[in-house]
PDB file of N, CA and C in Angstrom:
ATOM      1  N   MET A   1     -13.483  38.383 -45.829  1.00  0.00           N
ATOM      2  CA  MET A   1     -12.991  37.763 -44.364  1.00  0.00           C
ATOM      3  C   MET A   1     -12.222  38.850 -43.872  1.00  0.00           C
ATOM      4  N   PRO A   2     -12.369  39.387 -42.625  1.00  0.00           N
ATOM      5  CA  PRO A   2     -12.224  40.176 -41.978  1.00  0.00           C
ATOM      6  C   PRO A   2     -10.287  39.345 -40.878  1.00  0.00           C
ATOM      7  N   ILE A   3      -9.821  40.463 -41.060  1.00  0.00           N
ATOM      8  CA  ILE A   3      -8.697  39.972 -39.765  1.00  0.00           C
ATOM      9  C   ILE A   3      -8.860  41.004 -38.775  1.00  0.00           C
ATOM     10  N   TYR A   4      -9.058  40.115 -37.215  1.00  0.00           N
ATOM     11  CA  TYR A   4      -9.130  41.195 -36.354  1.00  0.00           C
ATOM     12  C   TYR A   4      -7.936  40.574 -35.223  1.00  0.00           C
ATOM     13  N   GLU A   5      -7.786  42.167 -34.780  1.00  0.00           N
ATOM     14  CA  GLU A   5      -6.800  41.996 -33.707  1.00  0.00           C
ATOM     15  C   GLU A   5      -7.517  41.537 -32.368  1.00  0.00           C
ATOM     16  N   TYR A   6      -6.314  41.398 -31.482  1.00  0.00           N
ATOM     17  CA  TYR A   6      -7.047  41.166 -29.934  1.00  0.00           C
ATOM     18  C   TYR A   6      -5.791  41.385 -29.333  1.00  0.00           C
ATOM     19  N   ARG A   7      -5.785  41.982 -28.014  1.00  0.00           N
ATOM     20  CA  ARG A   7      -5.065  42.119 -27.161  1.00  0.00           C
ATOM     21  C   ARG A   7      -5.128  40.673 -25.980  1.00  0.00           C
ATOM     22  N   CYS A   8      -4.019  40.236 -25.490  1.00  0.00           N
ATOM     23  CA  CYS A   8      -4.432  39.345 -24.529  1.00  0.00           C
ATOM     24  C   CYS A   8      -4.175  39.605 -23.195  1.00  0.00           C
ATOM     25  N   GLU A   9      -4.950  39.297 -22.577  1.00  0.00           N
ATOM     26  CA  GLU A   9      -4.945  39.822 -21.290  1.00  0.00           C
ATOM     27  C   GLU A   9      -4.013  39.474 -20.470  1.00  0.00           C
ATOM     28  N   ASP A  10      -3.382  37.850 -20.692  1.00  0.00           N
ATOM     29  CA  ASP A  10      -2.758  37.424 -20.178  1.00  0.00           C
ATOM     30  C   ASP A  10      -0.410  38.121 -20.419  1.00  0.00           C
ATOM     31  N   CYS A  11      -0.706  37.992 -21.131  1.00  0.00           N
ATOM     32  CA  CYS A  11       0.645  38.486 -21.606  1.00  0.00           C
ATOM     33  C   CYS A  11       1.001  39.710 -22.475  1.00  0.00           C
ATOM     34  N   ALA A  12      -0.455  40.942 -23.073  1.00  0.00           N
ATOM     35  CA  ALA A  12      -0.748  41.599 -23.011  1.00  0.00           C
ATOM     36  C   ALA A  12       0.247  41.840 -24.615  1.00  0.00           C
ATOM     37  N   LYS A  13       0.181  40.826 -25.321  1.00  0.00           N
ATOM     38  CA  LYS A  13       0.342  40.688 -26.995  1.00  0.00           C
ATOM     39  C   LYS A  13      -0.609  41.101 -27.979  1.00  0.00           C
ATOM     40  N   LEU A  14      -0.216  41.457 -29.284  1.00  0.00           N
ATOM     41  CA  LEU A  14      -1.256  41.356 -29.534  1.00  0.00           C
ATOM     42  C   LEU A  14      -1.148  40.156 -30.876  1.00  0.00           C
ATOM     43  N   SER A  15      -2.705  39.957 -31.324  1.00  0.00           N
ATOM     44  CA  SER A  15      -2.697  38.335 -32.169  1.00  0.00           C
ATOM     45  C   SER A  15      -3.317  39.116 -33.148  1.00  0.00           C
ATOM     46  N   SER A  16      -2.893  38.781 -34.246  1.00  0.00           N
ATOM     47  CA  SER A  16      -3.924  38.976 -35.773  1.00  0.00           C
ATOM     48  C   SER A  16      -4.818  37.627 -36.158  1.00  0.00           C
ATOM     49  N   ILE A  17      -5.860  37.490 -36.137  1.00  0.00           N
ATOM     50  CA  ILE A  17      -6.680  36.637 -36.795  1.00  0.00           C
ATOM     51  C   ILE A  17      -7.687  36.707 -37.511  1.00  0.00           C
ATOM     52  N   LEU A  18      -7.406  35.725 -38.552  1.00  0.00           N
ATOM     53  CA  LEU A  18      -8.377  35.706 -39.627  1.00  0.00           C
ATOM     54  C   LEU A  18      -9.758  34.921 -39.488  1.00  0.00           C
ATOM     55  N   VAL A  19     -10.582  35.777 -39.909  1.00  0.00           N
ATOM     56  CA  VAL A  19     -12.161  35.104 -39.427  1.00  0.00           C
ATOM     57  C   VAL A  19     -12.853  34.862 -40.542  1.00  0.00           C
ATOM     58  N   ARG A  20     -12.949  34.003 -41.015  1.00  0.00           N
ATOM     59  CA  ARG A  20     -13.837  33.712 -42.216  1.00  0.00           C
ATOM     60  C   ARG A  20     -15.189  34.051 -41.959  1.00  0.00           C
ATOM     61  N   SER A  21     -15.656  33.441 -40.692  1.00  0.00           N
ATOM     62  CA  SER A  21     -17.280  33.986 -41.082  1.00  0.00           C
ATOM     63  C   SER A  21     -17.510  34.031 -39.616  1.00  0.00           C
ATOM     64  N   PRO A  22     -17.845  35.798 -39.123  1.00  0.00           N
ATOM     65  CA  PRO A  22     -18.407  36.268 -37.793  1.00  0.00           C
ATOM     66  C   PRO A  22     -19.144  35.313 -37.091  1.00  0.00           C
ATOM     67  N   LYS A  23     -20.208  34.685 -37.720  1.00  0.00           N
ATOM     68  CA  LYS A  23     -21.272  33.844 -36.895  1.00  0.00           C
ATOM     69  C   LYS A  23     -20.509  32.377 -36.739  1.00  0.00           C
ATOM     70  N   THR A  24     -19.471  32.057 -37.365  1.00  0.00           N
ATOM     71  CA  THR A  24     -19.412  30.525 -36.845  1.00  0.00           C
ATOM     72  C   THR A  24     -17.793  30.426 -36.197  1.00  0.00           C
ATOM     73  N   ALA A  25     -17.425  31.968 -35.953  1.00  0.00           N
ATOM     74  CA  ALA A  25     -15.899  32.079 -35.475  1.00  0.00           C
ATOM     75  C   ALA A  25     -15.347  31.251 -34.478  1.00  0.00           C
ATOM     76  N   PRO A  26     -14.586  30.513 -34.130  1.00  0.00           N
ATOM     77  CA  PRO A  26     -14.215  29.865 -32.791  1.00  0.00           C
ATOM     78  C   PRO A  26     -13.438  31.154 -31.663  1.00  0.00           C
ATOM     79  N   ALA A  27     -13.711  30.883 -30.689  1.00  0.00           N
ATOM     80  CA  ALA A  27     -13.169  31.970 -29.785  1.00  0.00           C
ATOM     81  C   ALA A  27     -11.538  31.974 -30.214  1.00  0.00           C
ATOM     82  N   PRO A  28     -11.021  33.532 -29.680  1.00  0.00           N
ATOM     83  CA  PRO A  28      -9.469  33.387 -30.045  1.00  0.00           C
ATOM     84  C   PRO A  28      -8.687  33.196 -29.000  1.00  0.00           C
ATOM     85  N   ILE A  29      -7.521  32.811 -29.753  1.00  0.00           N
ATOM     86  CA  ILE A  29      -6.750  32.191 -28.797  1.00  0.00           C
ATOM     87  C   ILE A  29      -5.188  33.093 -29.228  1.00  0.00           C
ATOM     88  N   CYS A  30      -4.308  33.123 -27.875  1.00  0.00           N
ATOM     89  CA  CYS A  30      -3.290  33.926 -28.116  1.00  0.00           C
ATOM     90  C   CYS A  30      -2.555  33.248 -28.896  1.00  0.00           C
ATOM     91  N   GLN A  31      -1.725  34.013 -29.931  1.00  0.00           N
ATOM     92  CA  GLN A  31      -0.950  33.561 -30.640  1.00  0.00           C
ATOM     93  C   GLN A  31       0.607  33.134 -30.100  1.00  0.00           C
ATOM     94  N   HIS A  32       0.943  33.838 -28.665  1.00  0.00           N
ATOM     95  CA  HIS A  32       1.815  33.999 -28.411  1.00  0.00           C
ATOM     96  C   HIS A  32       2.327  32.894 -26.734  1.00  0.00           C
ATOM     97  N   CYS A  33       0.776  33.396 -26.076  1.00  0.00           N
ATOM     98  CA  CYS A  33       0.512  32.174 -25.055  1.00  0.00           C
ATOM     99  C   CYS A  33       0.068  31.052 -25.065  1.00  0.00           C
ATOM    100  N   SER A  34      -0.984  31.071 -25.974  1.00  0.00           N
ATOM    101  CA  SER A  34      -2.079  30.245 -26.075  1.00  0.00           C
ATOM    102  C   SER A  34      -3.244  30.828 -25.108  1.00  0.00           C
ATOM    103  N   GLY A  35      -3.060  31.868 -24.358  1.00  0.00           N
ATOM    104  CA  GLY A  35      -4.270  32.355 -23.611  1.00  0.00           C
ATOM    105  C   GLY A  35      -5.610  32.546 -24.777  1.00  0.00           C
ATOM    106  N   THR A  36      -6.650  32.485 -23.222  1.00  0.00           N
ATOM    107  CA  THR A  36      -8.005  32.554 -24.070  1.00  0.00           C
ATOM    108  C   THR A  36      -8.767  33.699 -23.490  1.00  0.00           C
ATOM    109  N   ARG A  37      -8.312  34.745 -22.757  1.00  0.00           N
ATOM    110  CA  ARG A  37      -8.428  35.768 -22.257  1.00  0.00           C
ATOM    111  C   ARG A  37      -8.041  37.010 -23.243  1.00  0.00           C
ATOM    112  N   LEU A  38      -8.627  37.223 -24.249  1.00  0.00           N
ATOM    113  CA  LEU A  38      -8.698  38.158 -25.347  1.00  0.00           C
ATOM    114  C   LEU A  38      -9.612  39.304 -25.299  1.00  0.00           C
ATOM    115  N   LYS A  39      -9.081  40.504 -25.838  1.00  0.00           N
ATOM    116  CA  LYS A  39     -10.015  41.362 -25.937  1.00  0.00           C
ATOM    117  C   LYS A  39      -9.847  41.875 -27.135  1.00  0.00           C
ATOM    118  N   LYS A  40     -10.711  42.095 -27.644  1.00  0.00           N
ATOM    119  CA  LYS A  40     -10.848  43.002 -29.472  1.00  0.00           C
ATOM    120  C   LYS A  40      -9.805  44.425 -29.398  1.00  0.00           C
ATOM    121  N   VAL A  41      -9.251  44.564 -30.351  1.00  0.00           N
ATOM    122  CA  VAL A  41      -9.123  46.298 -30.071  1.00  0.00           C
ATOM    123  C   VAL A  41      -8.767  46.594 -31.500  1.00  0.00           C
ATOM    124  N   MET A  42      -8.699  48.412 -31.658  1.00  0.00           N
ATOM    125  CA  MET A  42      -8.907  48.785 -33.258  1.00  0.00           C
ATOM    126  C   MET A  42      -7.156  48.180 -33.611  1.00  0.00           C
ATOM    127  N   SER A  43      -7.828  48.238 -35.182  1.00  0.00           N
ATOM    128  CA  SER A  43      -6.642  47.740 -35.899  1.00  0.00           C
ATOM    129  C   SER A  43      -5.791  49.206 -36.481  1.00  0.00           C
ATOM    130  N   LYS A  44      -4.705  49.272 -36.466  1.00  0.00           N
ATOM    131  CA  LYS A  44      -4.089  50.594 -37.261  1.00  0.00           C
ATOM    132  C   LYS A  44      -4.221  50.306 -38.602  1.00  0.00           C
ATOM    133  N   VAL A  45      -4.312  51.279 -38.766  1.00  0.00           N
ATOM    134  CA  VAL A  45      -4.958  51.665 -40.569  1.00  0.00           C
ATOM    135  C   VAL A  45      -3.732  52.131 -41.367  1.00  0.00           C
ATOM    136  N   GLY A  46      -3.763  51.320 -42.367  1.00  0.00           N
ATOM    137  CA  GLY A  46      -1.956  51.378 -43.316  1.00  0.00           C
ATOM    138  C   GLY A  46      -2.616  51.343 -44.593  1.00  0.00           C
ATOM    139  N   ARG A  47      -1.835  52.428 -45.433  1.00  0.00           N
ATOM    140  CA  ARG A  47      -1.919  52.980 -46.458  1.00  0.00           C
ATOM    141  C   ARG A  47      -0.669  52.939 -47.271  1.00  0.00           C
ATOM    142  N   LEU A  48      -0.797  51.926 -48.818  1.00  0.00           N
ATOM    143  CA  LEU A  48       0.616  51.781 -49.680  1.00  0.00           C
ATOM    144  C   LEU A  48       0.934  53.060 -49.944  1.00  0.00           C
ATOM    145  N   LYS A  49       2.063  53.244 -50.437  1.00  0.00           N
ATOM    146  CA  LYS A  49       2.450  54.533 -51.178  1.00  0.00           C
ATOM    147  C   LYS A  49       2.466  54.295 -52.193  1.00  0.00           C
ATOM    148  N   THR A  50       2.321  55.542 -53.343  1.00  0.00           N
ATOM    149  CA  THR A  50       2.476  55.608 -54.379  1.00  0.00           C
ATOM    150  C   THR A  50       3.860  55.761 -54.947  1.00  0.00           C
ATOM    151  N   GLN A  51       4.274  55.861 -56.158  1.00  0.00           N
ATOM    152  CA  GLN A  51       5.517  56.031 -56.822  1.00  0.00           C
ATOM    153  C   GLN A  51       6.029  57.775 -56.435  1.00  0.00           C
ATOM    154  N   GLY A  52       4.537  58.199 -56.381  1.00  0.00           N
ATOM    155  CA  GLY A  52       5.108  59.750 -56.453  1.00  0.00           C
ATOM    156  C   GLY A  52       5.242  60.230 -55.025  1.00  0.00           C
ATOM    157  N   ASP A  53       4.446  59.333 -53.962  1.00  0.00           N
ATOM    158  CA  ASP A  53       4.403  59.376 -52.667  1.00  0.00           C
ATOM    159  C   ASP A  53       5.939  59.158 -52.291  1.00  0.00           C
ATOM    160  N   VAL A  54       6.750  58.215 -52.862  1.00  0.00           N
ATOM    161  CA  VAL A  54       8.063  57.847 -52.427  1.00  0.00           C
ATOM    162  C   VAL A  54       9.133  59.048 -52.731  1.00  0.00           C
ATOM    163  N   VAL A  55       8.647  59.450 -53.806  1.00  0.00           N
ATOM    164  CA  VAL A  55       9.909  60.341 -54.842  1.00  0.00           C
ATOM    165  C   VAL A  55       9.072  61.740 -53.926  1.00  0.00           C
ATOM    166  N   GLN A  56       8.251  61.872 -53.464  1.00  0.00           N
ATOM    167  CA  GLN A  56       8.170  62.798 -52.847  1.00  0.00           C
ATOM    168  C   GLN A  56       8.387  62.882 -51.395  1.00  0.00           C
ATOM    169  N   GLU A  57       8.724  61.759 -50.824  1.00  0.00           N
ATOM    170  CA  GLU A  57       9.219  61.835 -49.419  1.00  0.00           C
ATOM    171  C   GLU A  57      10.608  62.121 -49.729  1.00  0.00           C
ATOM    172  N   TYR A  58      11.084  61.053 -50.394  1.00  0.00           N
ATOM    173  CA  TYR A  58      12.550  60.507 -50.291  1.00  0.00           C
ATOM    174  C   TYR A  58      13.501  61.716 -51.524  1.00  0.00           C
ATOM    175  N   GLY A  59      12.898  61.937 -52.505  1.00  0.00           N
ATOM    176  CA  GLY A  59      13.136  62.803 -53.420  1.00  0.00           C
ATOM    177  C   GLY A  59      13.961  62.118 -54.516  1.00  0.00           C
ATOM    178  N   THR A  60      13.990  62.660 -55.883  1.00  0.00           N
ATOM    179  CA  THR A  60      14.826  61.916 -57.141  1.00  0.00           C
ATOM    180  C   THR A  60      16.380  62.308 -56.688  1.00  0.00           C
ATOM    181  N   PRO A  61      17.191  61.399 -56.706  1.00  0.00           N
ATOM    182  CA  PRO A  61      18.487  61.132 -56.504  1.00  0.00           C
ATOM    183  C   PRO A  61      19.452  62.045 -57.400  1.00  0.00           C
ATOM    184  N   ARG A  62      20.286  62.977 -56.914  1.00  0.00           N
ATOM    185  CA  ARG A  62      20.936  63.426 -57.570  1.00  0.00           C
ATOM    186  C   ARG A  62      21.982  62.508 -58.497  1.00  0.00           C
ATOM    187  N   PRO A  63      22.773  62.556 -59.648  1.00  0.00           N
ATOM    188  CA  PRO A  63      23.690  61.615 -59.984  1.00  0.00           C
ATOM    189  C   PRO A  63      24.388  61.518 -59.144  1.00  0.00           C
ATOM    190  N   GLY A  64      25.261  60.141 -58.860  1.00  0.00           N
ATOM    191  CA  GLY A  64      26.304  60.083 -57.832  1.00  0.00           C
ATOM    192  C   GLY A  64      25.723  59.686 -56.863  1.00  0.00           C
ATOM    193  N   GLU A  65      24.029  59.522 -56.391  1.00  0.00           N
ATOM    194  CA  GLU A  65      23.651  59.426 -54.968  1.00  0.00           C
ATOM    195  C   GLU A  65      23.138  58.197 -55.519  1.00  0.00           C
ATOM    196  N   SER A  66      22.969  57.524 -53.604  1.00  0.00           N
ATOM    197  CA  SER A  66      22.410  56.172 -54.073  1.00  0.00           C
ATOM    198  C   SER A  66      20.611  56.926 -53.580  1.00  0.00           C
ATOM    199  N   TYR A  67      19.913  55.537 -54.013  1.00  0.00           N
ATOM    200  CA  TYR A  67      18.535  55.937 -53.593  1.00  0.00           C
ATOM    201  C   TYR A  67      18.137  55.465 -52.227  1.00  0.00           C
ATOM    202  N   SER A  68      17.323  55.950 -51.397  1.00  0.00           N
ATOM    203  CA  SER A  68      16.714  55.664 -50.195  1.00  0.00           C
ATOM    204  C   SER A  68      15.745  54.567 -49.905  1.00  0.00           C
ATOM    205  N   ASP A  69      14.632  54.399 -51.360  1.00  0.00           N
ATOM    206  CA  ASP A  69      13.973  53.393 -50.870  1.00  0.00           C
ATOM    207  C   ASP A  69      14.136  52.274 -52.209  1.00  0.00           C
ATOM    208  N   PRO A  70      13.787  51.073 -52.077  1.00  0.00           N
ATOM    209  CA  PRO A  70      13.892  49.848 -53.160  1.00  0.00           C
ATOM    210  C   PRO A  70      13.041  50.187 -53.824  1.00  0.00           C
ATOM    211  N   ARG A  71      11.887  50.648 -53.824  1.00  0.00           N
ATOM    212  CA  ARG A  71      10.936  50.895 -55.103  1.00  0.00           C
ATOM    213  C   ARG A  71      11.696  51.916 -56.102  1.00  0.00           C
ATOM    214  N   GLN A  72      12.414  52.724 -55.353  1.00  0.00           N
ATOM    215  CA  GLN A  72      13.306  53.826 -56.459  1.00  0.00           C
ATOM    216  C   GLN A  72      14.450  53.280 -57.343  1.00  0.00           C
ATOM    217  N   ILE A  73      14.968  51.744 -56.481  1.00  0.00           N
ATOM    218  CA  ILE A  73      16.249  51.171 -57.046  1.00  0.00           C
ATOM    219  C   ILE A  73      15.794  50.656 -57.774  1.00  0.00           C
ATOM    220  N   GLY A  74      14.670  49.595 -57.861  1.00  0.00           N
ATOM    221  CA  GLY A  74      14.035  49.041 -58.744  1.00  0.00           C
ATOM    222  C   GLY A  74      13.657  49.647 -60.331  1.00  0.00           C
ATOM    223  N   THR A  75      13.283  50.922 -59.876  1.00  0.00           N
ATOM    224  CA  THR A  75      12.745  51.725 -61.094  1.00  0.00           C
ATOM    225  C   THR A  75      14.124  52.506 -61.900  1.00  0.00           C
ATOM    226  N   TRP A  76      15.233  52.202 -61.450  1.00  0.00           N
ATOM    227  CA  TRP A  76      16.722  52.704 -61.892  1.00  0.00           C
ATOM    228  C   TRP A  76      17.158  51.530 -62.512  1.00  0.00           C
ATOM    229  N   VAL A  77      16.885  50.196 -61.858  1.00  0.00           N
ATOM    230  CA  VAL A  77      17.367  49.318 -62.770  1.00  0.00           C
ATOM    231  C   VAL A  77      16.683  49.110 -63.783  1.00  0.00           C
ATOM    232  N   GLU A  78      15.286  48.922 -63.314  1.00  0.00           N
ATOM    233  CA  GLU A  78      14.690  48.903 -64.904  1.00  0.00           C
ATOM    234  C   GLU A  78      14.807  50.112 -66.135  1.00  0.00           C
ATOM    235  N   ARG A  79      15.340  51.122 -65.722  1.00  0.00           N
ATOM    236  CA  ARG A  79      15.628  52.174 -66.711  1.00  0.00           C
ATOM    237  C   ARG A  79      17.073  51.631 -67.523  1.00  0.00           C
ATOM    238  N   ARG A  80      17.750  51.751 -66.170  1.00  0.00           N
ATOM    239  CA  ARG A  80      19.344  50.847 -66.927  1.00  0.00           C
ATOM    240  C   ARG A  80      19.345  49.856 -67.826  1.00  0.00           C
ATOM    241  N   PHE A  81      18.350  48.816 -67.563  1.00  0.00           N
ATOM    242  CA  PHE A  81      18.141  47.727 -69.090  1.00  0.00           C
ATOM    243  C   PHE A  81      17.424  48.589 -70.091  1.00  0.00           C
ATOM    244  N   GLU A  82      16.363  49.188 -70.052  1.00  0.00           N
ATOM    245  CA  GLU A  82      15.712  49.917 -70.833  1.00  0.00           C
ATOM    246  C   GLU A  82      16.918  50.605 -72.204  1.00  0.00           C
ATOM    247  N   SER A  83      17.598  51.439 -71.132  1.00  0.00           N
ATOM    248  CA  SER A  83      18.575  52.312 -72.040  1.00  0.00           C
ATOM    249  C   SER A  83      20.028  51.655 -72.685  1.00  0.00           C
ATOM    250  N   TYR A  84      20.033  50.314 -72.303  1.00  0.00           N
ATOM    251  CA  TYR A  84      20.659  49.296 -72.732  1.00  0.00           C
ATOM    252  C   TYR A  84      20.052  48.454 -74.299  1.00  0.00           C
ATOM    253  N   GLY A  85      18.874  48.767 -73.946  1.00  0.00           N
ATOM    254  CA  GLY A  85      17.908  47.968 -74.994  1.00  0.00           C
ATOM    255  C   GLY A  85      17.622  46.739 -74.613  1.00  0.00           C
ATOM    256  N   MET A  86      17.956  45.882 -73.466  1.00  0.00           N
ATOM    257  CA  MET A  86      17.873  44.739 -72.615  1.00  0.00           C
ATOM    258  C   MET A  86      16.803  44.485 -72.217  1.00  0.00           C
ATOM    259  N   PRO A  87      15.758  43.554 -72.221  1.00  0.00           N
ATOM    260  CA  PRO A  87      14.758  43.169 -71.149  1.00  0.00           C
ATOM    261  C   PRO A  87      15.157  43.046 -69.720  1.00  0.00           C
ATOM    262  N   VAL A  88      14.617  43.063 -69.069  1.00  0.00           N
ATOM    263  CA  VAL A  88      14.857  42.723 -67.302  1.00  0.00           C
ATOM    264  C   VAL A  88      14.978  41.393 -67.422  1.00  0.00           C
ATOM    265  N   PRO A  89      15.932  40.636 -66.654  1.00  0.00           N
ATOM    266  CA  PRO A  89      16.057  39.037 -66.604  1.00  0.00           C
ATOM    267  C   PRO A  89      14.571  38.959 -65.493  1.00  0.00           C
ATOM    268  N   ASP A  90      14.364  37.462 -65.566  1.00  0.00           N
ATOM    269  CA  ASP A  90      13.151  37.234 -65.024  1.00  0.00           C
ATOM    270  C   ASP A  90      13.404  37.719 -63.339  1.00  0.00           C
ATOM    271  N   GLU A  91      14.753  36.925 -62.828  1.00  0.00           N
ATOM    272  CA  GLU A  91      14.888  36.836 -61.907  1.00  0.00           C
ATOM    273  C   GLU A  91      15.423  38.079 -60.686  1.00  0.00           C
ATOM    274  N   THR A  92      15.720  39.194 -61.628  1.00  0.00           N
ATOM    275  CA  THR A  92      15.676  40.367 -61.207  1.00  0.00           C
ATOM    276  C   THR A  92      14.265  41.522 -61.445  1.00  0.00           C
ATOM    277  N   ARG A  93      13.590  40.957 -62.340  1.00  0.00           N
ATOM    278  CA  ARG A  93      11.913  41.341 -62.166  1.00  0.00           C
ATOM    279  C   ARG A  93      11.454  40.766 -60.783  1.00  0.00           C
ATOM    280  N   LYS A  94      11.550  39.248 -60.414  1.00  0.00           N
ATOM    281  CA  LYS A  94      11.075  39.028 -59.217  1.00  0.00           C
ATOM    282  C   LYS A  94      11.515  40.221 -58.079  1.00  0.00           C
ATOM    283  N   MET A  95      13.063  39.904 -57.833  1.00  0.00           N
ATOM    284  CA  MET A  95      13.486  41.090 -56.986  1.00  0.00           C
ATOM    285  C   MET A  95      13.086  42.138 -56.804  1.00  0.00           C
ATOM    286  N   ILE A  96      12.521  42.898 -58.024  1.00  0.00           N
ATOM    287  CA  ILE A  96      12.221  44.050 -58.333  1.00  0.00           C
ATOM    288  C   ILE A  96      10.907  44.387 -57.577  1.00  0.00           C
ATOM    289  N   ASP A  97       9.857  43.678 -58.205  1.00  0.00           N
ATOM    290  CA  ASP A  97       8.888  43.292 -57.669  1.00  0.00           C
ATOM    291  C   ASP A  97       8.350  42.765 -55.784  1.00  0.00           C
ATOM    292  N   ALA A  98       9.482  42.181 -55.373  1.00  0.00           N
ATOM    293  CA  ALA A  98       9.269  41.802 -54.260  1.00  0.00           C
ATOM    294  C   ALA A  98       9.754  42.938 -53.357  1.00  0.00           C
ATOM    295  N   ALA A  99      10.056  44.034 -53.565  1.00  0.00           N
ATOM    296  CA  ALA A  99      10.789  44.966 -53.333  1.00  0.00           C
ATOM    297  C   ALA A  99       9.731  46.341 -53.107  1.00  0.00           C
ATOM    298  N   ARG A 100       9.056  46.281 -54.103  1.00  0.00           N
ATOM    299  CA  ARG A 100       7.880  47.350 -54.303  1.00  0.00           C
ATOM    300  C   ARG A 100       7.068  46.762 -53.286  1.00  0.00           C
ATOM    301  N   GLU A 101       6.672  45.552 -52.990  1.00  0.00           N
ATOM    302  CA  GLU A 101       6.088  44.870 -52.030  1.00  0.00           C
ATOM    303  C   GLU A 101       6.196  45.133 -50.538  1.00  0.00           C
ATOM    304  N   GLY A 102       7.763  45.501 -50.841  1.00  0.00           N
ATOM    305  CA  GLY A 102       7.995  45.609 -48.958  1.00  0.00           C
ATOM    306  C   GLY A 102       8.748  44.772 -48.651  1.00  0.00           C
ATOM    307  N   GLU A 103       9.194  43.809 -49.320  1.00  0.00           N
ATOM    308  CA  GLU A 103      10.000  42.339 -49.011  1.00  0.00           C
ATOM    309  C   GLU A 103      11.600  43.072 -49.200  1.00  0.00           C
ATOM    310  N   LEU A 104      12.352  43.407 -48.347  1.00  0.00           N
ATOM    311  CA  LEU A 104      13.625  43.766 -48.826  1.00  0.00           C
ATOM    312  C   LEU A 104      14.580  42.477 -48.661  1.00  0.00           C
ATOM    313  N   PRO A 105      15.680  42.358 -49.483  1.00  0.00           N
ATOM    314  CA  PRO A 105      16.743  41.319 -49.343  1.00  0.00           C
ATOM    315  C   PRO A 105      17.315  41.400 -48.252  1.00  0.00           C
ATOM    316  N   GLY A 106      18.030  40.656 -47.897  1.00  0.00           N
ATOM    317  CA  GLY A 106      19.035  40.227 -46.427  1.00  0.00           C
ATOM    318  C   GLY A 106      20.440  41.084 -46.610  1.00  0.00           C
ATOM    319  N   PRO A 107      21.316  40.962 -45.597  1.00  0.00           N
ATOM    320  CA  PRO A 107      22.257  41.710 -46.080  1.00  0.00           C
ATOM    321  C   PRO A 107      22.852  40.921 -46.709  1.00  0.00           C
ATOM    322  N   ALA A 108      24.284  41.510 -47.749  1.00  0.00           N
ATOM    323  CA  ALA A 108      24.985  41.072 -48.649  1.00  0.00           C
ATOM    324  C   ALA A 108      25.390  39.413 -48.588  1.00  0.00           C
ATOM    325  N   GLY A 109      25.778  39.285 -47.598  1.00  0.00           N
ATOM    326  CA  GLY A 109      26.530  37.987 -46.923  1.00  0.00           C
ATOM    327  C   GLY A 109      25.414  36.634 -46.841  1.00  0.00           C
ATOM    328  N   ASP A 110      23.856  37.125 -47.200  1.00  0.00           N
ATOM    329  CA  ASP A 110      23.176  36.099 -47.338  1.00  0.00           C
ATOM    330  C   ASP A 110      22.478  35.764 -48.281  1.00  0.00           C
ATOM    331  N   LEU A 111      23.695  35.821 -49.816  1.00  0.00           N
ATOM    332  CA  LEU A 111      22.925  35.808 -50.861  1.00  0.00           C
ATOM    333  C   LEU A 111      23.555  33.692 -51.052  1.00  0.00           C
TER     334      LEU A 111
END
């Protein structure tokens, strides 16, 4: 089931549309202005970063420095719990896993 991207000729915005079957797919409709004059465009290629990529890009922080990437913060938290001989709490585990998937927490006031 591919996701196709279209550029609307009316509003010039991109729409991503999940196509279950190209043979039976309805005509695409713009998600922004409901226009029907869409043109298929090439999608950008994305690649997930490995933990090694993150360390190479941001480096390993020195003692007293903060981490630049949420995946590094999660690793630091896991190591802290491990060093205390404690399991990572379920709620903390969910936040770490979400950060690794790119879901960043909001500002501190949003808690």
